[in-house]
Amino acid sequence: MTSVSVALAGSGGAGVMTAGNMLLEAAARAGYYGLMTRSSGPQIRGGEAAAMLRICTAPCDSVDDRYQVLAAVDWGNVARFAAELPLAEAGLVVGDPAQGEPPEVFLKSGARYAPVTLKAMAKKIPGGWPNMVALGLLGGLIGLPRAALCAAVEKSMKKGGDALAASLAAVQAGIDEAAKLGAGFPLAPAPAGSSRWLVTGNQAAGYGAIRGGVRFVAAYPITPATELLEWMSPALARVGGTLVQAEDELASINMILGGSYGGVPSLTATSGPGLSLMIEALGLGVAAEIPVVVVDVMRTGPSTGIATKTEQADLNIAMYGLHGDAPHLVLAPNSVADCLLTTQWATHLAESLQVPAIVLSDQFFGQARAVVERPAEVSFAGARERAAPNTVDYKRYALTPSGVSPMAIPGTPGITYTADGLEHGERGTPSSAAADHLAQMDKRARKLDSIDYGEHWAEIEGEGELAVITWGSCTGAVREAFARAKGDGVSGRLLSLRLMSPAQPEKLRRALKGVKRALVVEQSFGGQFLRYLRAEYDLTCELTSFRRPGPLPVRPDEIHRKILEWSRA
């Protein structure tokens, strides 16, 4: 097999995430690519949890259609994940009979049930744990080398000692049990090694921000963005930067505005509820032309919604939520690895254009862990234009042809100016004159509209009269659907937008030349992306919507079937 999907589920505290991370680490050590996503209940502690992994011989950015194996340390409330864990018809369900029988919903596909006494097996090993037995069992079923599994455990348990010895013995017990179960789902040999990273989307976004020059972060923890901040705290310290945990989201957005006003590229990370609280201050950033980056790791809403699940439904507030006419940047990565490039590019654009930028990641990307090719080193020319000391007749908001005017950092000799949220003239002096308002509005819009964003505005692949237009975490499923359709003799175009605002109508028009019908794929209930396309672009092809809210992901088979249906119409 070139791709195997497995899931490990259990109650919170059963160690399924720990075992899942070790399994992915082992796959990486064995030379495979992989993707681990996670699902859990909304509880702070306890509840249900599932680690969902796909291990492949080629890069993968999407979950697959079905899982070959579901192993449960205990059944707890695992049935709540039934819709997220569709099983293959020839799949395998493994569970401990001492913890009850598997819910019927997991056997409806025809999957085989194999009772395995995980807890009793672990008890035979002093200090053994059922999740380590399950780790060995899953590794054995998919054919990962024992050495890779053991190396992953050793890396995680650096202190060694009796705990490590017990875990290694439990892994071996699981491997032995897998052999007793008969036919598994062995992977084809791993491809030749290359330089790969094992990284989460949150980590990639943090590294992209640092590459882009961010040296100050202020943020308030919120699921699922917290890991980005946890990663950046020590990483910033190593490059001379600083992270401050603010008392709330209002404080954090105003802190980074202050940091950037002081000349330091600044960032905060949040999720939907936090972004709502930051909207007014983002308007201040637009009016005062202070560059900041806000990474919104979207989750299921509205309100607190389902904090641990993914969705793409913050598009509207990111695009249109600021009051008044407030031109700003909105960008979206299209893979775990692309979180690096997109956040780096967002930082560059924010700094060079002196404007706030929102990066729309989501829980799927942010908390997913993936084995990816090492991202290419990319650099962007241009930086924040600063005013020279003792500039005669300095005008902070001068009406330049580009719309960008030199910014004086506090303490610049011979220069002072007013910067606040009131409308103003070229010097920054508050003004209620219609002429000043119109001139400054035109300036703020012109600097976003007058530059060429180059080829990074979207990922464009393939040819044909059929197209799928998508964004964000739906991109991987669409790419895989087209790969399958190619095997059926059907071709088409994939367009995944990375730059959401400002819109690029002429670029999209050229990209869709010759396309007769397009499918718009997104993960929202109301079709926010479809409405955005209709509002911002003059599309002449026939549009069809494929959308659903979170937390259920878009799967390749769904898009593949739609592409085939169109090709035969």
Protein backbone atom coordinates (compact mmCIF):
# COMPACT_ATOMS: atom_id res chain seq x y z
CA MET A 1 0.00 0.00 0.00
CA THR A 2 1.21 3.50 -0.76
CA SER A 3 -1.08 5.17 1.80
CA VAL A 4 -2.45 3.85 5.09
CA SER A 5 -4.70 5.73 7.50
CA VAL A 6 -5.02 4.72 11.15
CA ALA A 7 -6.68 6.28 14.18
CA LEU A 8 -5.99 5.84 17.88
CA ALA A 9 -8.79 6.89 20.21
CA GLY A 10 -9.57 6.92 23.90
CA SER A 11 -10.47 9.03 26.88
CA GLY A 12 -8.49 12.17 27.63
CA GLY A 13 -5.42 11.18 29.61
CA ALA A 14 -5.12 7.77 27.95
CA GLY A 15 -2.09 8.99 26.00
CA VAL A 16 -3.46 8.64 22.48
CA MET A 17 -1.90 11.91 21.28
CA THR A 18 1.46 10.90 22.73
CA ALA A 19 1.31 7.54 20.96
CA GLY A 20 0.09 9.17 17.75
CA ASN A 21 3.00 11.60 17.72
CA MET A 22 5.42 8.74 18.30
CA LEU A 23 3.90 6.77 15.42
CA LEU A 24 4.32 9.74 13.07
CA GLU A 25 7.88 10.24 14.32
CA ALA A 26 8.61 6.57 13.61
CA ALA A 27 7.17 6.88 10.11
CA ALA A 28 9.39 9.90 9.46
CA ARG A 29 12.45 8.02 10.69
CA ALA A 30 11.56 5.15 8.37
CA GLY A 31 11.52 7.51 5.40
CA TYR A 32 7.75 7.99 4.94
CA TYR A 33 5.65 11.10 4.59
CA GLY A 34 2.71 11.58 6.89
CA LEU A 35 0.01 13.76 8.38
CA MET A 36 -1.45 13.59 11.87
CA THR A 37 -4.60 15.49 12.71
CA ARG A 38 -6.31 15.51 16.06
CA SER A 39 -9.78 15.69 17.47
CA SER A 40 -10.90 16.11 21.05
CA GLY A 41 -13.83 17.26 23.08
CA PRO A 42 -14.21 20.82 24.34
CA GLN A 43 -13.23 19.95 27.91
CA ILE A 44 -10.15 21.57 29.45
CA ARG A 45 -9.22 18.19 30.94
CA GLY A 46 -10.53 14.71 30.24
CA GLY A 47 -13.15 13.98 27.62
CA GLU A 48 -12.51 12.05 24.44
CA ALA A 49 -9.54 12.27 22.08
CA ALA A 50 -8.41 10.82 18.76
CA ALA A 51 -5.11 10.93 16.91
CA MET A 52 -5.71 10.41 13.19
CA LEU A 53 -2.75 9.57 10.98
CA ARG A 54 -2.12 9.08 7.32
CA ILE A 55 1.27 7.62 6.36
CA CYS A 56 2.30 7.67 2.70
CA THR A 57 5.13 6.97 0.31
CA ALA A 58 4.58 10.42 -1.27
CA PRO A 59 3.77 13.87 0.18
CA CYS A 60 0.18 14.18 1.45
CA ASP A 61 -1.64 17.34 2.49
CA SER A 62 -5.09 15.82 3.05
CA VAL A 63 -6.78 13.15 5.10
CA ASP A 64 -7.85 10.11 3.07
CA ASP A 65 -11.39 8.90 2.43
CA ARG A 66 -11.36 6.04 4.94
CA TYR A 67 -9.31 4.63 7.81
CA GLN A 68 -7.87 1.15 7.54
CA VAL A 69 -7.45 0.72 11.33
CA LEU A 70 -9.18 2.16 14.37
CA ALA A 71 -7.59 1.22 17.69
CA ALA A 72 -9.19 2.29 20.95
CA VAL A 73 -7.40 2.24 24.28
CA ASP A 74 -10.90 2.55 25.75
CA TRP A 75 -14.21 3.38 24.14
CA GLY A 76 -15.30 6.21 26.47
CA ASN A 77 -17.11 8.73 24.25
CA VAL A 78 -15.29 7.68 21.07
CA ALA A 79 -18.64 7.25 19.30
CA ARG A 80 -18.77 11.05 19.16
CA PHE A 81 -16.01 10.80 16.55
CA ALA A 82 -17.89 8.35 14.34
CA ALA A 83 -18.51 10.85 11.54
CA GLU A 84 -14.84 11.90 11.64
CA LEU A 85 -13.60 8.30 11.51
CA PRO A 86 -15.16 6.59 8.47
CA LEU A 87 -13.76 3.06 8.21
CA ALA A 88 -12.82 1.16 5.08
CA GLU A 89 -14.99 -1.84 4.23
CA ALA A 90 -12.02 -4.14 4.77
CA GLY A 91 -10.86 -2.16 7.80
CA LEU A 92 -9.97 -3.36 11.26
CA VAL A 93 -11.28 -2.24 14.64
CA VAL A 94 -9.10 -3.08 17.63
CA GLY A 95 -10.33 -2.65 21.17
CA ASP A 96 -9.88 -3.96 24.67
CA PRO A 97 -12.84 -6.20 25.59
CA ALA A 98 -12.27 -5.30 29.24
CA GLN A 99 -13.21 -1.75 28.29
CA GLY A 100 -16.46 -2.77 26.59
CA GLU A 101 -17.48 -3.57 23.05
CA PRO A 102 -16.94 -1.17 20.13
CA PRO A 103 -19.94 1.01 19.29
CA GLU A 104 -21.97 -0.54 16.48
CA VAL A 105 -21.50 2.55 14.33
CA PHE A 106 -17.85 1.58 13.73
CA LEU A 107 -18.77 -1.86 12.40
CA LYS A 108 -21.45 -0.82 9.92
CA SER A 109 -18.90 -0.49 7.13
CA GLY A 110 -18.09 -4.17 7.42
CA ALA A 111 -14.84 -3.59 9.30
CA ARG A 112 -13.54 -6.59 11.26
CA TYR A 113 -13.38 -6.42 15.06
CA ALA A 114 -10.32 -7.84 16.79
CA PRO A 115 -10.41 -7.82 20.61
CA VAL A 116 -6.98 -7.19 22.10
CA THR A 117 -6.43 -7.01 25.86
CA LEU A 118 -4.33 -3.86 25.79
CA LYS A 119 -4.64 -3.09 29.50
CA ALA A 120 -3.88 -6.64 30.63
CA MET A 121 -0.88 -6.83 28.29
CA ALA A 122 0.46 -3.57 29.71
CA LYS A 123 -0.03 -4.77 33.29
CA LYS A 124 2.26 -7.73 32.65
CA ILE A 125 5.08 -5.22 32.14
CA PRO A 126 6.03 -3.29 35.30
CA GLY A 127 5.39 0.34 34.43
CA GLY A 128 3.81 -0.54 31.08
CA TRP A 129 1.06 1.54 29.49
CA PRO A 130 -1.76 0.48 27.13
CA ASN A 131 -1.05 3.35 24.73
CA MET A 132 2.49 2.02 24.17
CA VAL A 133 1.08 -1.44 23.42
CA ALA A 134 -1.28 0.24 20.92
CA LEU A 135 1.68 2.09 19.39
CA GLY A 136 3.50 -1.18 18.74
CA LEU A 137 0.32 -2.80 17.46
CA LEU A 138 -0.37 -0.05 14.91
CA GLY A 139 3.27 0.09 13.87
CA GLY A 140 3.28 -3.66 13.34
CA LEU A 141 0.03 -3.64 11.35
CA ILE A 142 1.35 -1.11 8.85
CA GLY A 143 4.85 -2.55 8.71
CA LEU A 144 6.97 0.16 10.33
CA PRO A 145 10.41 -1.09 11.38
CA ARG A 146 10.81 -1.89 15.07
CA ALA A 147 13.97 0.21 15.17
CA ALA A 148 12.05 3.29 14.01
CA LEU A 149 9.33 2.77 16.61
CA CYS A 150 11.86 2.33 19.39
CA ALA A 151 13.83 5.38 18.27
CA ALA A 152 10.66 7.48 18.38
CA VAL A 153 9.94 6.30 21.94
CA GLU A 154 13.52 6.96 23.03
CA LYS A 155 13.42 10.48 21.62
CA SER A 156 10.20 11.23 23.51
CA MET A 157 11.46 9.73 26.78
CA LYS A 158 14.90 11.29 26.95
CA LYS A 159 15.44 10.53 30.65
CA GLY A 160 15.47 6.81 29.92
CA GLY A 161 15.52 4.50 32.94
CA ASP A 162 12.78 2.09 33.94
CA ALA A 163 10.03 4.10 32.24
CA LEU A 164 11.78 3.87 28.88
CA ALA A 165 12.48 0.17 29.30
CA ALA A 166 8.82 -0.47 30.15
CA SER A 167 7.62 1.50 27.15
CA LEU A 168 9.94 -0.34 24.78
CA ALA A 169 8.75 -3.68 26.18
CA ALA A 170 5.12 -2.58 25.71
CA VAL A 171 5.84 -1.57 22.11
CA GLN A 172 7.36 -5.00 21.45
CA ALA A 173 4.29 -6.67 22.96
CA GLY A 174 2.12 -4.68 20.56
CA ILE A 175 4.29 -5.65 17.58
CA ASP A 176 4.00 -9.32 18.57
CA GLU A 177 0.23 -9.00 18.89
CA ALA A 178 -0.02 -7.44 15.43
CA ALA A 179 1.67 -10.51 13.99
CA LYS A 180 -0.95 -12.73 15.65
CA LEU A 181 -3.83 -10.78 14.09
CA GLY A 182 -2.87 -11.96 10.62
CA ALA A 183 -2.92 -9.76 7.53
CA GLY A 184 -2.30 -6.12 8.25
CA PHE A 185 -1.95 -3.12 5.96
CA PRO A 186 1.78 -3.04 5.16
CA LEU A 187 3.17 0.03 3.47
CA ALA A 188 5.24 -0.18 0.31
CA PRO A 189 8.95 0.52 0.82
CA ALA A 190 9.73 4.10 1.77
CA PRO A 191 11.16 6.37 -0.96
CA ALA A 192 14.78 7.41 -0.99
CA GLY A 193 15.54 9.88 1.76
CA SER A 194 15.69 13.62 1.35
CA SER A 195 15.68 16.64 3.64
CA ARG A 196 12.31 16.58 5.41
CA TRP A 197 10.74 18.39 8.33
CA LEU A 198 8.34 17.11 10.96
CA VAL A 199 6.37 20.24 11.78
CA THR A 200 2.95 21.59 12.74
CA GLY A 201 1.22 24.41 10.93
CA ASN A 202 1.50 26.58 14.04
CA GLN A 203 5.24 25.98 14.22
CA ALA A 204 5.63 26.69 10.50
CA ALA A 205 3.69 29.95 10.85
CA GLY A 206 5.86 30.99 13.79
CA TYR A 207 9.04 30.27 11.87
CA GLY A 208 7.71 32.15 8.85
CA ALA A 209 7.04 35.16 11.05
CA ILE A 210 10.60 35.08 12.39
CA ARG A 211 11.98 34.73 8.86
CA GLY A 212 9.87 37.74 7.91
CA GLY A 213 11.47 39.81 10.67
CA VAL A 214 8.96 39.61 13.54
CA ARG A 215 10.73 40.27 16.83
CA PHE A 216 7.85 41.16 19.14
CA VAL A 217 4.79 39.04 19.92
CA ALA A 218 2.01 39.79 22.39
CA ALA A 219 -0.87 37.37 22.70
CA TYR A 220 -3.43 35.77 24.95
CA PRO A 221 -3.68 31.95 24.81
CA ILE A 222 -6.62 30.52 22.88
CA THR A 223 -7.29 27.15 21.28
CA PRO A 224 -6.11 26.28 18.64
CA ALA A 225 -3.50 29.08 18.34
CA THR A 226 -1.74 28.59 21.66
CA GLU A 227 0.92 26.21 20.32
CA LEU A 228 2.11 28.91 17.90
CA LEU A 229 2.84 31.16 20.87
CA GLU A 230 4.43 28.35 22.88
CA TRP A 231 6.79 27.64 19.99
CA MET A 232 7.62 31.29 19.34
CA SER A 233 8.49 32.15 22.95
CA PRO A 234 11.87 30.37 23.04
CA ALA A 235 12.43 30.81 19.30
CA LEU A 236 12.11 34.60 19.56
CA ALA A 237 14.52 34.68 22.48
CA ARG A 238 17.16 32.98 20.33
CA VAL A 239 16.99 35.80 17.74
CA GLY A 240 16.81 38.64 20.24
CA GLY A 241 13.02 39.01 20.21
CA THR A 242 10.41 39.09 22.96
CA LEU A 243 7.03 37.48 23.63
CA VAL A 244 4.61 38.89 26.19
CA GLN A 245 1.52 37.04 27.41
CA ALA A 246 -1.10 39.76 27.60
CA GLU A 247 -4.07 39.79 29.94
CA ASP A 248 -6.53 39.54 27.06
CA GLU A 249 -6.89 39.95 23.29
CA LEU A 250 -7.60 43.68 23.54
CA ALA A 251 -4.30 44.20 25.29
CA SER A 252 -2.37 41.99 22.90
CA ILE A 253 -3.47 43.77 19.70
CA ASN A 254 -2.73 47.18 21.22
CA MET A 255 0.65 45.96 22.48
CA ILE A 256 1.73 44.89 19.01
CA LEU A 257 0.50 48.17 17.55
CA GLY A 258 2.74 49.89 20.07
CA GLY A 259 5.65 47.58 19.32
CA SER A 260 5.34 48.19 15.61
CA TYR A 261 4.92 51.95 16.12
CA GLY A 262 8.25 51.72 17.92
CA GLY A 263 9.83 50.18 14.84
CA VAL A 264 9.75 46.44 15.65
CA PRO A 265 7.84 44.08 13.32
CA SER A 266 5.10 42.63 15.54
CA LEU A 267 2.57 39.79 15.56
CA THR A 268 -0.20 38.24 17.56
CA ALA A 269 -2.01 34.92 17.14
CA THR A 270 -5.60 34.15 18.06
CA SER A 271 -8.77 32.41 16.93
CA GLY A 272 -12.21 33.65 15.94
CA PRO A 273 -13.43 34.96 19.32
CA GLY A 274 -10.14 36.78 19.83
CA LEU A 275 -10.17 38.26 16.34
CA SER A 276 -13.60 39.74 17.08
CA LEU A 277 -12.12 41.62 20.03
CA MET A 278 -9.23 42.92 17.93
CA ILE A 279 -11.27 44.43 15.11
CA GLU A 280 -11.47 48.01 16.43
CA ALA A 281 -7.72 48.17 17.07
CA LEU A 282 -7.02 46.76 13.60
CA GLY A 283 -8.93 49.76 12.27
CA LEU A 284 -6.54 51.97 14.23
CA GLY A 285 -3.67 50.17 12.49
CA VAL A 286 -5.24 50.97 9.12
CA ALA A 287 -5.87 54.63 9.94
CA ALA A 288 -2.45 55.22 11.51
CA GLU A 289 -0.75 53.01 8.90
CA ILE A 290 0.97 50.80 11.47
CA PRO A 291 1.95 47.35 10.17
CA VAL A 292 1.04 44.31 12.29
CA VAL A 293 0.33 40.64 11.57
CA VAL A 294 -2.58 38.73 13.13
CA VAL A 295 -2.59 34.96 12.64
CA ASP A 296 -6.15 33.68 13.05
CA VAL A 297 -6.11 29.91 13.57
CA MET A 298 -9.79 29.43 12.81
CA ARG A 299 -12.06 27.06 14.72
CA THR A 300 -15.72 26.09 14.55
CA GLY A 301 -18.04 28.96 15.46
CA PRO A 302 -20.03 31.06 16.08
CA SER A 303 -19.19 32.32 19.57
CA THR A 304 -17.03 29.77 21.39
CA GLY A 305 -18.44 27.12 19.04
CA ILE A 306 -16.32 23.95 19.09
CA ALA A 307 -12.92 25.18 20.14
CA THR A 308 -11.08 21.98 19.22
CA LYS A 309 -12.49 21.55 15.70
CA THR A 310 -11.70 23.18 12.37
CA GLU A 311 -13.68 25.44 10.03
CA GLN A 312 -13.12 28.20 7.46
CA ALA A 313 -15.89 30.51 8.60
CA ASP A 314 -13.86 33.54 9.73
CA LEU A 315 -13.43 34.67 6.13
CA ASN A 316 -16.22 37.24 6.29
CA ILE A 317 -15.02 38.94 9.47
CA ALA A 318 -11.41 38.95 8.27
CA MET A 319 -12.40 40.51 4.94
CA TYR A 320 -15.23 42.83 5.90
CA GLY A 321 -15.36 43.03 9.71
CA LEU A 322 -13.52 46.31 10.18
CA HIS A 323 -15.87 49.28 10.44
CA GLY A 324 -15.67 51.98 7.82
CA ASP A 325 -13.62 51.54 4.66
CA ALA A 326 -10.45 49.99 6.04
CA PRO A 327 -8.20 48.49 3.34
CA HIS A 328 -5.98 45.74 4.78
CA LEU A 329 -4.34 42.46 3.80
CA VAL A 330 -5.84 38.99 4.19
CA LEU A 331 -3.80 35.90 3.29
CA ALA A 332 -4.32 32.15 3.68
CA PRO A 333 -1.82 29.27 3.57
CA ASN A 334 -2.77 26.18 1.55
CA SER A 335 -0.78 23.47 3.37
CA VAL A 336 0.96 22.83 6.67
CA ALA A 337 4.31 23.68 5.07
CA ASP A 338 2.84 26.73 3.32
CA CYS A 339 2.03 28.27 6.71
CA LEU A 340 5.72 29.25 6.71
CA LEU A 341 5.77 31.00 3.33
CA THR A 342 2.40 32.68 3.78
CA THR A 343 3.18 34.12 7.22
CA GLN A 344 6.61 35.27 6.06
CA TRP A 345 5.05 36.93 3.00
CA ALA A 346 2.31 38.51 5.12
CA THR A 347 4.95 40.03 7.39
CA HIS A 348 6.86 41.39 4.41
CA LEU A 349 3.72 42.88 2.84
CA ALA A 350 2.53 44.40 6.11
CA GLU A 351 5.91 46.04 6.69
CA SER A 352 6.49 47.29 3.16
CA LEU A 353 2.93 48.59 2.74
CA GLN A 354 2.52 49.79 6.35
CA VAL A 355 -0.80 48.04 6.85
CA PRO A 356 -2.26 45.30 9.10
CA ALA A 357 -2.31 41.77 7.68
CA ILE A 358 -4.54 38.89 8.78
CA VAL A 359 -3.35 35.33 8.10
CA LEU A 360 -6.22 32.83 8.02
CA SER A 361 -4.91 29.46 9.16
CA ASP A 362 -7.22 26.93 10.86
CA GLN A 363 -7.24 24.14 13.43
CA PHE A 364 -6.59 21.53 10.74
CA PHE A 365 -3.33 23.24 9.77
CA GLY A 366 -2.38 24.70 13.13
CA GLN A 367 -2.57 21.51 15.18
CA ALA A 368 -1.78 19.05 12.40
CA ARG A 369 1.72 17.58 12.41
CA ALA A 370 3.17 16.60 9.07
CA VAL A 371 6.25 15.10 7.48
CA VAL A 372 6.98 17.50 4.62
CA GLU A 373 9.76 18.34 2.22
CA ARG A 374 12.01 21.01 3.65
CA PRO A 375 10.45 24.33 2.54
CA ALA A 376 12.53 26.33 0.11
CA GLU A 377 14.36 29.40 1.37
CA VAL A 378 12.47 32.44 0.09
CA SER A 379 13.33 36.09 0.58
CA PHE A 380 11.32 39.18 -0.29
CA ALA A 381 12.83 42.49 -1.36
CA GLY A 382 11.76 45.65 0.40
CA ALA A 383 11.18 46.73 3.98
CA ARG A 384 9.41 49.42 5.94
CA GLU A 385 10.30 52.83 4.55
CA ARG A 386 11.62 55.00 7.37
CA ALA A 387 11.94 58.74 7.54
CA ALA A 388 15.44 60.16 7.64
CA PRO A 389 16.46 62.23 10.69
CA ASN A 390 15.77 65.97 10.54
CA THR A 391 13.57 65.68 7.46
CA VAL A 392 12.46 69.19 6.55
CA ASP A 393 8.68 69.71 6.40
CA TYR A 394 8.03 66.06 7.39
CA LYS A 395 4.59 64.76 6.47
CA ARG A 396 3.88 61.35 7.92
CA TYR A 397 0.88 60.76 5.66
CA ALA A 398 2.22 62.45 2.54
CA LEU A 399 0.19 61.71 -0.58
CA THR A 400 2.87 59.82 -2.49
CA PRO A 401 2.24 58.12 -5.86
CA SER A 402 2.56 54.66 -4.27
CA GLY A 403 0.47 55.58 -1.24
CA VAL A 404 3.36 54.59 1.05
CA SER A 405 4.99 57.43 2.97
CA PRO A 406 8.12 57.29 5.16
CA MET A 407 7.43 56.38 8.79
CA ALA A 408 9.34 58.15 11.55
CA ILE A 409 10.13 55.93 14.52
CA PRO A 410 9.77 57.64 17.92
CA GLY A 411 13.09 59.21 18.82
CA THR A 412 14.05 60.04 15.24
CA PRO A 413 15.93 63.33 15.59
CA GLY A 414 14.05 66.39 14.44
CA ILE A 415 10.73 64.64 13.74
CA THR A 416 7.50 64.41 15.66
CA TYR A 417 4.00 63.67 14.41
CA THR A 418 0.52 62.74 15.57
CA ALA A 419 -0.71 59.16 15.05
CA ASP A 420 -4.20 58.20 16.18
CA GLY A 421 -7.47 56.85 14.88
CA LEU A 422 -8.93 60.22 13.92
CA GLU A 423 -8.94 61.17 10.28
CA HIS A 424 -6.09 63.53 9.49
CA GLY A 425 -4.25 65.50 6.87
CA GLU A 426 -0.80 64.76 5.52
CA ARG A 427 0.94 65.89 8.74
CA GLY A 428 -1.24 63.73 10.95
CA THR A 429 -3.16 66.65 12.41
CA PRO A 430 -6.79 65.57 13.02
CA SER A 431 -9.16 66.85 10.35
CA SER A 432 -12.86 66.55 9.62
CA ALA A 433 -12.52 68.08 6.16
CA ALA A 434 -14.06 66.01 3.38
CA ALA A 435 -11.05 66.67 1.14
CA ASP A 436 -8.62 65.21 3.71
CA HIS A 437 -10.81 62.17 4.32
CA LEU A 438 -11.10 61.42 0.61
CA ALA A 439 -7.37 61.96 0.03
CA GLN A 440 -6.33 59.69 2.90
CA MET A 441 -8.87 57.00 1.98
CA ASP A 442 -7.53 57.02 -1.56
CA LYS A 443 -3.96 56.83 -0.24
CA ARG A 444 -4.70 53.83 1.98
CA ALA A 445 -6.42 51.96 -0.83
CA ARG A 446 -3.88 52.94 -3.49
CA LYS A 447 -0.91 51.41 -1.73
CA LEU A 448 -2.61 47.99 -1.68
CA ASP A 449 -3.93 48.20 -5.23
CA SER A 450 -0.90 49.64 -7.02
CA ILE A 451 1.67 46.88 -6.44
CA ASP A 452 2.15 43.62 -8.31
CA TYR A 453 1.83 40.72 -5.88
CA GLY A 454 3.61 38.37 -8.29
CA GLU A 455 2.97 34.66 -8.50
CA HIS A 456 2.42 34.01 -4.80
CA TRP A 457 -1.17 35.28 -4.94
CA ALA A 458 -2.42 31.74 -5.74
CA GLU A 459 -1.37 28.18 -6.49
CA ILE A 460 -2.42 27.28 -10.05
CA GLU A 461 -2.08 23.75 -11.41
CA GLY A 462 -3.35 21.83 -14.44
CA GLU A 463 -5.29 22.64 -17.58
CA GLY A 464 -8.77 22.02 -18.96
CA GLU A 465 -12.28 23.38 -19.19
CA LEU A 466 -13.11 22.31 -15.62
CA ALA A 467 -11.70 24.09 -12.59
CA VAL A 468 -11.91 23.84 -8.83
CA ILE A 469 -11.41 27.09 -6.93
CA THR A 470 -10.61 26.68 -3.27
CA TRP A 471 -8.50 28.01 -0.42
CA GLY A 472 -6.82 27.00 2.78
CA SER A 473 -7.03 23.48 4.15
CA CYS A 474 -9.38 22.26 1.40
CA THR A 475 -6.51 22.54 -1.09
CA GLY A 476 -4.88 19.20 -0.33
CA ALA A 477 -8.09 17.24 -0.89
CA VAL A 478 -8.71 19.02 -4.21
CA ARG A 479 -5.14 18.38 -5.39
CA GLU A 480 -5.47 14.68 -4.61
CA ALA A 481 -8.87 14.53 -6.32
CA PHE A 482 -7.33 15.88 -9.52
CA ALA A 483 -4.51 13.33 -9.30
CA ARG A 484 -7.12 10.57 -9.16
CA ALA A 485 -9.11 12.11 -12.01
CA LYS A 486 -5.97 12.20 -14.13
CA GLY A 487 -5.81 8.42 -13.75
CA ASP A 488 -9.34 8.34 -15.20
CA GLY A 489 -8.25 10.41 -18.17
CA VAL A 490 -9.87 13.61 -16.89
CA SER A 491 -7.94 16.87 -16.55
CA GLY A 492 -8.77 20.15 -14.91
CA ARG A 493 -7.39 23.19 -13.12
CA LEU A 494 -6.77 23.76 -9.45
CA LEU A 495 -6.78 27.35 -8.21
CA SER A 496 -6.04 27.86 -4.53
CA LEU A 497 -6.04 31.51 -3.50
CA ARG A 498 -3.34 32.62 -1.08
CA LEU A 499 -3.97 36.38 -1.29
CA MET A 500 -7.60 36.94 -0.36
CA SER A 501 -7.49 40.72 -0.03
CA PRO A 502 -6.93 42.78 -2.01
CA ALA A 503 -8.70 40.78 -4.72
CA GLN A 504 -6.80 40.06 -7.94
CA PRO A 505 -9.55 39.97 -10.62
CA GLU A 506 -7.27 40.30 -13.63
CA LYS A 507 -4.97 37.51 -12.43
CA LEU A 508 -7.93 35.21 -11.79
CA ARG A 509 -9.44 36.06 -15.15
CA ARG A 510 -6.26 34.94 -16.89
CA ALA A 511 -6.01 31.82 -14.75
CA LEU A 512 -9.56 30.81 -15.68
CA LYS A 513 -9.31 31.57 -19.40
CA GLY A 514 -11.10 28.79 -21.30
CA VAL A 515 -12.81 27.39 -18.20
CA LYS A 516 -16.50 26.68 -18.72
CA ARG A 517 -17.47 25.55 -15.24
CA ALA A 518 -15.88 25.84 -11.82
CA LEU A 519 -16.52 24.11 -8.52
CA VAL A 520 -16.00 26.27 -5.42
CA VAL A 521 -14.87 24.16 -2.46
CA GLU A 522 -14.87 25.46 1.10
CA GLN A 523 -15.53 24.50 4.71
CA SER A 524 -18.28 26.86 5.76
CA PHE A 525 -22.03 26.52 6.15
CA GLY A 526 -23.10 29.66 4.31
CA GLY A 527 -20.73 29.57 1.35
CA GLN A 528 -18.65 32.55 2.44
CA PHE A 529 -15.92 31.87 -0.13
CA LEU A 530 -18.44 31.53 -2.96
CA ARG A 531 -20.06 34.83 -1.97
CA TYR A 532 -16.64 36.46 -1.77
CA LEU A 533 -15.81 35.32 -5.31
CA ARG A 534 -19.11 36.62 -6.64
CA ALA A 535 -18.63 39.93 -4.86
CA GLU A 536 -15.00 40.61 -5.77
CA TYR A 537 -14.57 38.91 -9.16
CA ASP A 538 -16.34 39.06 -12.51
CA LEU A 539 -16.54 35.33 -13.22
CA THR A 540 -18.11 34.30 -16.52
CA CYS A 541 -17.94 30.53 -16.03
CA GLU A 542 -20.69 28.47 -14.42
CA LEU A 543 -20.14 28.21 -10.65
CA THR A 544 -21.19 25.32 -8.44
CA SER A 545 -20.71 25.24 -4.67
CA PHE A 546 -19.39 22.33 -2.62
CA ARG A 547 -19.42 23.37 1.01
CA ARG A 548 -19.93 22.05 4.49
CA PRO A 549 -19.22 23.45 7.94
CA GLY A 550 -16.61 21.96 10.24
CA PRO A 551 -15.59 19.77 11.84
CA LEU A 552 -15.92 17.22 9.02
CA PRO A 553 -13.06 17.64 6.54
CA VAL A 554 -13.44 17.71 2.78
CA ARG A 555 -12.19 14.36 1.48
CA PRO A 556 -10.60 13.64 -1.91
CA ASP A 557 -13.19 11.11 -3.00
CA GLU A 558 -16.01 13.64 -2.77
CA ILE A 559 -14.27 16.08 -5.10
CA HIS A 560 -13.05 13.28 -7.39
CA ARG A 561 -16.62 12.07 -7.93
CA LYS A 562 -17.80 15.61 -8.68
CA ILE A 563 -15.02 16.11 -11.25
CA LEU A 564 -15.94 12.83 -12.97
CA GLU A 565 -19.62 13.77 -12.94
CA TRP A 566 -18.82 17.06 -14.67
CA SER A 567 -16.56 15.43 -17.24
CA ARG A 568 -19.42 13.16 -18.33
CA ALA A 569 -22.09 15.85 -18.41
